[in-house]
Amino acid sequence: KPFELVDLLHEPMGVQQKGIAPAEYQPIT
């Protein structure tokens, strides 16, 4: 069935959190 997908959002973990690597994310598509 057709459906809508809306309000797409990426929330990365920040490097201030233990063990998280720095990364530069591209806008999610």
ModelCIF file with pLDDT and N, C-alpha, C, O atoms, coordinates in Angstrom:
data_MODEL
#
_entry.id   MODEL 
#
_entity.id                         1 
_entity.type                       polymer 
_entity.pdbx_number_of_molecules   1 
#
_entity_poly.entity_id                      1 
_entity_poly.type                           'polypeptide(L)' 
_entity_poly.nstd_linkage                   no 
_entity_poly.nstd_monomer                   no 
_entity_poly.pdbx_seq_one_letter_code       KPFELVDLLHEPMGVQQKGIAPAEYQPIT 
_entity_poly.pdbx_seq_one_letter_code_can   KPFELVDLLHEPMGVQQKGIAPAEYQPIT 
_entity_poly.pdbx_strand_id                 A 
#
loop_
_entity_poly_seq.entity_id 
_entity_poly_seq.num 
_entity_poly_seq.mon_id 
_entity_poly_seq.hetero 
1 1  LYS n 
1 2  PRO n 
1 3  PHE n 
1 4  GLU n 
1 5  LEU n 
1 6  VAL n 
1 7  ASP n 
1 8  LEU n 
1 9  LEU n 
1 10 HIS n 
1 11 GLU n 
1 12 PRO n 
1 13 MET n 
1 14 GLY n 
1 15 VAL n 
1 16 GLN n 
1 17 GLN n 
1 18 LYS n 
1 19 GLY n 
1 20 ILE n 
1 21 ALA n 
1 22 PRO n 
1 23 ALA n 
1 24 GLU n 
1 25 TYR n 
1 26 GLN n 
1 27 PRO n 
1 28 ILE n 
1 29 THR n 
#
_struct_asym.id          A 
_struct_asym.entity_id   1 
#
loop_
_ma_qa_metric.id 
_ma_qa_metric.mode 
_ma_qa_metric.name 
_ma_qa_metric.software_group_id 
_ma_qa_metric.type 
1 global pLDDT . pLDDT 
2 local  pLDDT . pLDDT 
#
_ma_qa_metric_global.metric_id      1 
_ma_qa_metric_global.metric_value   93.28 
_ma_qa_metric_global.model_id       1 
_ma_qa_metric_global.ordinal_id     1 
#
loop_
_ma_qa_metric_local.label_asym_id 
_ma_qa_metric_local.label_comp_id 
_ma_qa_metric_local.label_seq_id 
_ma_qa_metric_local.metric_id 
_ma_qa_metric_local.metric_value 
_ma_qa_metric_local.model_id 
_ma_qa_metric_local.ordinal_id 
A LYS 1  2 93.00 1 1  
A PRO 2  2 94.00 1 2  
A PHE 3  2 96.00 1 3  
A GLU 4  2 96.00 1 4  
A LEU 5  2 97.00 1 5  
A VAL 6  2 96.00 1 6  
A ASP 7  2 97.00 1 7  
A LEU 8  2 97.00 1 8  
A LEU 9  2 97.00 1 9  
A HIS 10 2 97.00 1 10 
A GLU 11 2 96.00 1 11 
A PRO 12 2 95.00 1 12 
A MET 13 2 92.00 1 13 
A GLY 14 2 85.00 1 14 
A VAL 15 2 81.00 1 15 
A GLN 16 2 83.00 1 16 
A GLN 17 2 84.00 1 17 
A LYS 18 2 88.00 1 18 
A GLY 19 2 90.00 1 19 
A ILE 20 2 94.00 1 20 
A ALA 21 2 93.00 1 21 
A PRO 22 2 93.00 1 22 
A ALA 23 2 94.00 1 23 
A GLU 24 2 95.00 1 24 
A TYR 25 2 96.00 1 25 
A GLN 26 2 96.00 1 26 
A PRO 27 2 96.00 1 27 
A ILE 28 2 97.00 1 28 
A THR 29 2 97.00 1 29 
#
loop_
_atom_site.group_PDB 
_atom_site.id 
_atom_site.type_symbol 
_atom_site.label_atom_id 
_atom_site.label_alt_id 
_atom_site.label_comp_id 
_atom_site.label_asym_id 
_atom_site.label_entity_id 
_atom_site.label_seq_id 
_atom_site.pdbx_PDB_ins_code 
_atom_site.Cartn_x 
_atom_site.Cartn_y 
_atom_site.Cartn_z 
_atom_site.occupancy 
_atom_site.B_iso_or_equiv 
_atom_site.pdbx_formal_charge 
_atom_site.auth_seq_id 
_atom_site.auth_comp_id 
_atom_site.auth_asym_id 
_atom_site.auth_atom_id 
_atom_site.pdbx_PDB_model_num 
ATOM 1   N N  . LYS A 1 1  ? 0.836  -1.201 0.000  1.00 93.00 ? 1  LYS A N  1 
ATOM 2   C CA . LYS A 1 1  ? 0.000  0.000  0.000  1.00 93.00 ? 1  LYS A CA 1 
ATOM 3   C C  . LYS A 1 1  ? 0.871  1.251  0.000  1.00 93.00 ? 1  LYS A C  1 
ATOM 4   O O  . LYS A 1 1  ? 1.948  1.252  0.596  1.00 93.00 ? 1  LYS A O  1 
ATOM 5   N N  . PRO A 1 2  ? 0.423  2.310  -0.656 1.00 94.00 ? 2  PRO A N  1 
ATOM 6   C CA . PRO A 1 2  ? 1.161  3.573  -0.602 1.00 94.00 ? 2  PRO A CA 1 
ATOM 7   C C  . PRO A 1 2  ? 1.138  4.142  0.821  1.00 94.00 ? 2  PRO A C  1 
ATOM 8   O O  . PRO A 1 2  ? 0.184  3.936  1.571  1.00 94.00 ? 2  PRO A O  1 
ATOM 9   N N  . PHE A 1 3  ? 2.196  4.851  1.170  1.00 96.00 ? 3  PHE A N  1 
ATOM 10  C CA . PHE A 1 3  ? 2.269  5.506  2.478  1.00 96.00 ? 3  PHE A CA 1 
ATOM 11  C C  . PHE A 1 3  ? 3.192  6.706  2.383  1.00 96.00 ? 3  PHE A C  1 
ATOM 12  O O  . PHE A 1 3  ? 3.977  6.838  1.443  1.00 96.00 ? 3  PHE A O  1 
ATOM 13  N N  . GLU A 1 4  ? 3.083  7.564  3.357  1.00 96.00 ? 4  GLU A N  1 
ATOM 14  C CA . GLU A 1 4  ? 3.961  8.733  3.462  1.00 96.00 ? 4  GLU A CA 1 
ATOM 15  C C  . GLU A 1 4  ? 5.065  8.445  4.464  1.00 96.00 ? 4  GLU A C  1 
ATOM 16  O O  . GLU A 1 4  ? 4.838  7.749  5.453  1.00 96.00 ? 4  GLU A O  1 
ATOM 17  N N  . LEU A 1 5  ? 6.244  8.968  4.222  1.00 97.00 ? 5  LEU A N  1 
ATOM 18  C CA . LEU A 1 5  ? 7.327  8.954  5.188  1.00 97.00 ? 5  LEU A CA 1 
ATOM 19  C C  . LEU A 1 5  ? 7.753  10.412 5.349  1.00 97.00 ? 5  LEU A C  1 
ATOM 20  O O  . LEU A 1 5  ? 8.195  11.041 4.388  1.00 97.00 ? 5  LEU A O  1 
ATOM 21  N N  . VAL A 1 6  ? 7.622  10.949 6.568  1.00 96.00 ? 6  VAL A N  1 
ATOM 22  C CA . VAL A 1 6  ? 7.869  12.372 6.813  1.00 96.00 ? 6  VAL A CA 1 
ATOM 23  C C  . VAL A 1 6  ? 8.732  12.555 8.055  1.00 96.00 ? 6  VAL A C  1 
ATOM 24  O O  . VAL A 1 6  ? 9.009  11.612 8.796  1.00 96.00 ? 6  VAL A O  1 
ATOM 25  N N  . ASP A 1 7  ? 9.146  13.803 8.252  1.00 97.00 ? 7  ASP A N  1 
ATOM 26  C CA . ASP A 1 7  ? 9.908  14.203 9.448  1.00 97.00 ? 7  ASP A CA 1 
ATOM 27  C C  . ASP A 1 7  ? 11.174 13.376 9.650  1.00 97.00 ? 7  ASP A C  1 
ATOM 28  O O  . ASP A 1 7  ? 11.486 12.984 10.774 1.00 97.00 ? 7  ASP A O  1 
ATOM 29  N N  . LEU A 1 8  ? 11.904 13.111 8.566  1.00 97.00 ? 8  LEU A N  1 
ATOM 30  C CA . LEU A 1 8  ? 13.144 12.339 8.636  1.00 97.00 ? 8  LEU A CA 1 
ATOM 31  C C  . LEU A 1 8  ? 14.227 13.161 9.323  1.00 97.00 ? 8  LEU A C  1 
ATOM 32  O O  . LEU A 1 8  ? 14.484 14.303 8.943  1.00 97.00 ? 8  LEU A O  1 
ATOM 33  N N  . LEU A 1 9  ? 14.858 12.575 10.335 1.00 97.00 ? 9  LEU A N  1 
ATOM 34  C CA . LEU A 1 9  ? 15.852 13.289 11.138 1.00 97.00 ? 9  LEU A CA 1 
ATOM 35  C C  . LEU A 1 9  ? 16.946 12.334 11.585 1.00 97.00 ? 9  LEU A C  1 
ATOM 36  O O  . LEU A 1 9  ? 16.660 11.235 12.058 1.00 97.00 ? 9  LEU A O  1 
ATOM 37  N N  . HIS A 1 10 ? 18.199 12.752 11.436 1.00 97.00 ? 10 HIS A N  1 
ATOM 38  C CA . HIS A 1 10 ? 19.332 11.974 11.932 1.00 97.00 ? 10 HIS A CA 1 
ATOM 39  C C  . HIS A 1 10 ? 19.873 12.647 13.187 1.00 97.00 ? 10 HIS A C  1 
ATOM 40  O O  . HIS A 1 10 ? 20.197 13.834 13.169 1.00 97.00 ? 10 HIS A O  1 
ATOM 41  N N  . GLU A 1 11 ? 19.970 11.892 14.271 1.00 96.00 ? 11 GLU A N  1 
ATOM 42  C CA . GLU A 1 11 ? 20.525 12.392 15.530 1.00 96.00 ? 11 GLU A CA 1 
ATOM 43  C C  . GLU A 1 11 ? 21.780 11.591 15.854 1.00 96.00 ? 11 GLU A C  1 
ATOM 44  O O  . GLU A 1 11 ? 21.690 10.521 16.457 1.00 96.00 ? 11 GLU A O  1 
ATOM 45  N N  . PRO A 1 12 ? 22.965 12.099 15.456 1.00 95.00 ? 12 PRO A N  1 
ATOM 46  C CA . PRO A 1 12 ? 24.194 11.353 15.738 1.00 95.00 ? 12 PRO A CA 1 
ATOM 47  C C  . PRO A 1 12 ? 24.585 11.466 17.208 1.00 95.00 ? 12 PRO A C  1 
ATOM 48  O O  . PRO A 1 12 ? 24.264 12.451 17.872 1.00 95.00 ? 12 PRO A O  1 
ATOM 49  N N  . MET A 1 13 ? 25.272 10.459 17.702 1.00 92.00 ? 13 MET A N  1 
ATOM 50  C CA . MET A 1 13 ? 25.869 10.555 19.032 1.00 92.00 ? 13 MET A CA 1 
ATOM 51  C C  . MET A 1 13 ? 27.100 11.439 18.904 1.00 92.00 ? 13 MET A C  1 
ATOM 52  O O  . MET A 1 13 ? 27.841 11.339 17.926 1.00 92.00 ? 13 MET A O  1 
ATOM 53  N N  . GLY A 1 14 ? 27.314 12.284 19.865 1.00 85.00 ? 14 GLY A N  1 
ATOM 54  C CA . GLY A 1 14 ? 28.457 13.183 19.829 1.00 85.00 ? 14 GLY A CA 1 
ATOM 55  C C  . GLY A 1 14 ? 29.706 12.566 20.423 1.00 85.00 ? 14 GLY A C  1 
ATOM 56  O O  . GLY A 1 14 ? 29.634 11.609 21.194 1.00 85.00 ? 14 GLY A O  1 
ATOM 57  N N  . VAL A 1 15 ? 30.850 13.121 20.059 1.00 81.00 ? 15 VAL A N  1 
ATOM 58  C CA . VAL A 1 15 ? 32.130 12.589 20.542 1.00 81.00 ? 15 VAL A CA 1 
ATOM 59  C C  . VAL A 1 15 ? 32.291 12.762 22.043 1.00 81.00 ? 15 VAL A C  1 
ATOM 60  O O  . VAL A 1 15 ? 33.176 12.153 22.644 1.00 81.00 ? 15 VAL A O  1 
ATOM 61  N N  . GLN A 1 16 ? 31.437 13.593 22.665 1.00 83.00 ? 16 GLN A N  1 
ATOM 62  C CA . GLN A 1 16 ? 31.517 13.738 24.113 1.00 83.00 ? 16 GLN A CA 1 
ATOM 63  C C  . GLN A 1 16 ? 31.058 12.459 24.819 1.00 83.00 ? 16 GLN A C  1 
ATOM 64  O O  . GLN A 1 16 ? 31.313 12.286 26.010 1.00 83.00 ? 16 GLN A O  1 
ATOM 65  N N  . GLN A 1 17 ? 30.385 11.567 24.093 1.00 84.00 ? 17 GLN A N  1 
ATOM 66  C CA . GLN A 1 17 ? 29.973 10.301 24.678 1.00 84.00 ? 17 GLN A CA 1 
ATOM 67  C C  . GLN A 1 17 ? 31.105 9.297  24.511 1.00 84.00 ? 17 GLN A C  1 
ATOM 68  O O  . GLN A 1 17 ? 31.691 9.186  23.435 1.00 84.00 ? 17 GLN A O  1 
ATOM 69  N N  . LYS A 1 18 ? 31.405 8.577  25.565 1.00 88.00 ? 18 LYS A N  1 
ATOM 70  C CA . LYS A 1 18 ? 32.558 7.679  25.612 1.00 88.00 ? 18 LYS A CA 1 
ATOM 71  C C  . LYS A 1 18 ? 32.573 6.689  24.453 1.00 88.00 ? 18 LYS A C  1 
ATOM 72  O O  . LYS A 1 18 ? 31.587 5.998  24.199 1.00 88.00 ? 18 LYS A O  1 
ATOM 73  N N  . GLY A 1 19 ? 33.694 6.631  23.762 1.00 90.00 ? 19 GLY A N  1 
ATOM 74  C CA . GLY A 1 19 ? 33.897 5.652  22.704 1.00 90.00 ? 19 GLY A CA 1 
ATOM 75  C C  . GLY A 1 19 ? 33.372 6.032  21.333 1.00 90.00 ? 19 GLY A C  1 
ATOM 76  O O  . GLY A 1 19 ? 33.565 5.282  20.376 1.00 90.00 ? 19 GLY A O  1 
ATOM 77  N N  . ILE A 1 20 ? 32.709 7.186  21.212 1.00 94.00 ? 20 ILE A N  1 
ATOM 78  C CA . ILE A 1 20 ? 32.142 7.580  19.924 1.00 94.00 ? 20 ILE A CA 1 
ATOM 79  C C  . ILE A 1 20 ? 33.216 8.271  19.072 1.00 94.00 ? 20 ILE A C  1 
ATOM 80  O O  . ILE A 1 20 ? 33.897 9.187  19.534 1.00 94.00 ? 20 ILE A O  1 
ATOM 81  N N  . ALA A 1 21 ? 33.351 7.820  17.835 1.00 93.00 ? 21 ALA A N  1 
ATOM 82  C CA . ALA A 1 21 ? 34.345 8.379  16.911 1.00 93.00 ? 21 ALA A CA 1 
ATOM 83  C C  . ALA A 1 21 ? 33.820 9.687  16.312 1.00 93.00 ? 21 ALA A C  1 
ATOM 84  O O  . ALA A 1 21 ? 32.618 9.833  16.092 1.00 93.00 ? 21 ALA A O  1 
ATOM 85  N N  . PRO A 1 22 ? 34.717 10.629 16.051 1.00 93.00 ? 22 PRO A N  1 
ATOM 86  C CA . PRO A 1 22 ? 34.279 11.837 15.341 1.00 93.00 ? 22 PRO A CA 1 
ATOM 87  C C  . PRO A 1 22 ? 33.927 11.475 13.895 1.00 93.00 ? 22 PRO A C  1 
ATOM 88  O O  . PRO A 1 22 ? 34.606 10.665 13.265 1.00 93.00 ? 22 PRO A O  1 
ATOM 89  N N  . ALA A 1 23 ? 32.870 12.079 13.387 1.00 94.00 ? 23 ALA A N  1 
ATOM 90  C CA . ALA A 1 23 ? 32.453 11.846 12.007 1.00 94.00 ? 23 ALA A CA 1 
ATOM 91  C C  . ALA A 1 23 ? 31.712 13.071 11.520 1.00 94.00 ? 23 ALA A C  1 
ATOM 92  O O  . ALA A 1 23 ? 31.003 13.731 12.280 1.00 94.00 ? 23 ALA A O  1 
ATOM 93  N N  . GLU A 1 24 ? 31.886 13.366 10.236 1.00 95.00 ? 24 GLU A N  1 
ATOM 94  C CA . GLU A 1 24 ? 31.122 14.441 9.616  1.00 95.00 ? 24 GLU A CA 1 
ATOM 95  C C  . GLU A 1 24 ? 30.088 13.786 8.712  1.00 95.00 ? 24 GLU A C  1 
ATOM 96  O O  . GLU A 1 24 ? 30.417 13.204 7.679  1.00 95.00 ? 24 GLU A O  1 
ATOM 97  N N  . TYR A 1 25 ? 28.827 13.896 9.127  1.00 96.00 ? 25 TYR A N  1 
ATOM 98  C CA . TYR A 1 25 ? 27.750 13.244 8.382  1.00 96.00 ? 25 TYR A CA 1 
ATOM 99  C C  . TYR A 1 25 ? 27.240 14.139 7.269  1.00 96.00 ? 25 TYR A C  1 
ATOM 100 O O  . TYR A 1 25 ? 27.140 15.356 7.427  1.00 96.00 ? 25 TYR A O  1 
ATOM 101 N N  . GLN A 1 26 ? 26.918 13.519 6.141  1.00 96.00 ? 26 GLN A N  1 
ATOM 102 C CA . GLN A 1 26 ? 26.247 14.222 5.046  1.00 96.00 ? 26 GLN A CA 1 
ATOM 103 C C  . GLN A 1 26 ? 24.771 14.318 5.412  1.00 96.00 ? 26 GLN A C  1 
ATOM 104 O O  . GLN A 1 26 ? 24.290 13.535 6.230  1.00 96.00 ? 26 GLN A O  1 
ATOM 105 N N  . PRO A 1 27 ? 24.049 15.260 4.823  1.00 96.00 ? 27 PRO A N  1 
ATOM 106 C CA . PRO A 1 27 ? 22.605 15.305 5.099  1.00 96.00 ? 27 PRO A CA 1 
ATOM 107 C C  . PRO A 1 27 ? 21.956 13.975 4.710  1.00 96.00 ? 27 PRO A C  1 
ATOM 108 O O  . PRO A 1 27 ? 22.238 13.425 3.645  1.00 96.00 ? 27 PRO A O  1 
ATOM 109 N N  . ILE A 1 28 ? 21.100 13.476 5.566  1.00 97.00 ? 28 ILE A N  1 
ATOM 110 C CA . ILE A 1 28 ? 20.404 12.221 5.295  1.00 97.00 ? 28 ILE A CA 1 
ATOM 111 C C  . ILE A 1 28 ? 19.476 12.422 4.099  1.00 97.00 ? 28 ILE A C  1 
ATOM 112 O O  . ILE A 1 28 ? 18.867 13.483 3.962  1.00 97.00 ? 28 ILE A O  1 
ATOM 113 N N  . THR A 1 29 ? 19.364 11.414 3.233  1.00 97.00 ? 29 THR A N  1 
ATOM 114 C CA . THR A 1 29 ? 18.532 11.566 2.034  1.00 97.00 ? 29 THR A CA 1 
ATOM 115 C C  . THR A 1 29 ? 17.399 10.552 2.027  1.00 97.00 ? 29 THR A C  1 
ATOM 116 O O  . THR A 1 29 ? 16.596 10.530 1.094  1.00 97.00 ? 29 THR A O  1 
#
